[in-house]
Amino acid sequence: MTKTISLSDEAYDILKRMKTGKESFSDTIKKLAGRGKLSEVLDLYPEIMDKEYEKSAKELRKKIDAKLKDMGL
């Protein structure tokens, strides 16, 4: 079953940037909603794959927590 939703232009642009390859918008939303999987976080933020992984991971966790709080989650 499919549902129609409305997004602001800004939200659409953000979602579109988050898509990878041939991923559908539904797949992207499910990936973003599945916030507990490290592999998905790494896909969203490849910049943490460097020598300072631990520091980057902690900073990323703070950013994710802030975004989730802003979203009311």
Protein backbone atom coordinates (compact mmCIF):
# COMPACT_ATOMS: atom_id res chain seq x y z
CA MET A 1 0.00 0.00 0.00
CA THR A 2 1.26 3.49 -0.74
CA LYS A 3 0.39 6.77 0.95
CA THR A 4 0.75 10.32 -0.26
CA ILE A 5 2.50 12.78 2.04
CA SER A 6 3.33 16.46 1.72
CA LEU A 7 6.81 17.84 2.32
CA SER A 8 8.11 21.36 2.26
CA ASP A 9 10.59 22.11 -0.50
CA GLU A 10 13.35 22.22 2.11
CA ALA A 11 12.40 18.81 3.56
CA TYR A 12 12.21 17.31 0.06
CA ASP A 13 15.66 18.66 -0.83
CA ILE A 14 17.13 17.23 2.38
CA LEU A 15 15.53 13.84 1.78
CA LYS A 16 16.68 13.83 -1.83
CA ARG A 17 20.28 14.52 -0.72
CA MET A 18 20.07 11.64 1.77
CA LYS A 19 19.13 9.16 -0.95
CA THR A 20 21.89 6.94 -2.27
CA GLY A 21 22.12 5.25 -5.65
CA LYS A 22 18.84 3.72 -6.74
CA GLU A 23 17.36 3.91 -3.25
CA SER A 24 13.70 4.91 -3.12
CA PHE A 25 12.39 7.70 -0.91
CA SER A 26 10.66 5.01 1.18
CA ASP A 27 13.97 3.19 1.64
CA THR A 28 15.66 6.44 2.65
CA ILE A 29 12.98 7.22 5.23
CA LYS A 30 13.19 3.69 6.66
CA LYS A 31 16.98 4.01 6.84
CA LEU A 32 16.72 7.32 8.68
CA ALA A 33 14.07 5.95 11.03
CA GLY A 34 16.20 2.89 11.85
CA ARG A 35 18.56 5.07 13.84
CA GLY A 36 19.98 2.29 15.99
CA LYS A 37 22.04 0.50 13.35
CA LEU A 38 25.69 1.54 13.19
CA SER A 39 26.01 0.47 9.54
CA GLU A 40 23.26 2.90 8.59
CA VAL A 41 24.84 5.70 10.57
CA LEU A 42 28.14 5.07 8.82
CA ASP A 43 26.39 5.20 5.45
CA LEU A 44 24.91 8.58 6.36
CA TYR A 45 28.11 10.04 7.77
CA PRO A 46 31.15 8.53 5.99
CA GLU A 47 33.38 11.26 7.42
CA ILE A 48 33.64 9.35 10.71
CA MET A 49 35.70 6.64 9.02
CA ASP A 50 39.04 8.27 9.84
CA LYS A 51 41.85 8.01 12.39
CA GLU A 52 39.82 9.89 14.98
CA TYR A 53 36.91 7.47 14.88
CA GLU A 54 36.05 7.57 18.58
CA LYS A 55 35.98 11.37 18.75
CA SER A 56 34.01 11.60 15.51
CA ALA A 57 31.54 8.96 16.67
CA LYS A 58 30.86 10.83 19.92
CA GLU A 59 30.33 14.11 18.05
CA LEU A 60 28.05 12.35 15.58
CA ARG A 61 26.02 10.81 18.39
CA LYS A 62 25.47 14.29 19.83
CA LYS A 63 24.31 15.58 16.43
CA ILE A 64 21.95 12.66 15.96
CA ASP A 65 20.54 13.04 19.47
CA ALA A 66 19.97 16.76 18.84
CA LYS A 67 18.20 16.08 15.54
CA LEU A 68 16.00 13.44 17.16
CA LYS A 69 15.15 15.82 19.99
CA ASP A 70 14.22 18.51 17.44
CA MET A 71 11.98 15.95 15.74
CA GLY A 72 10.31 15.13 19.06
CA LEU A 73 11.70 11.59 19.18
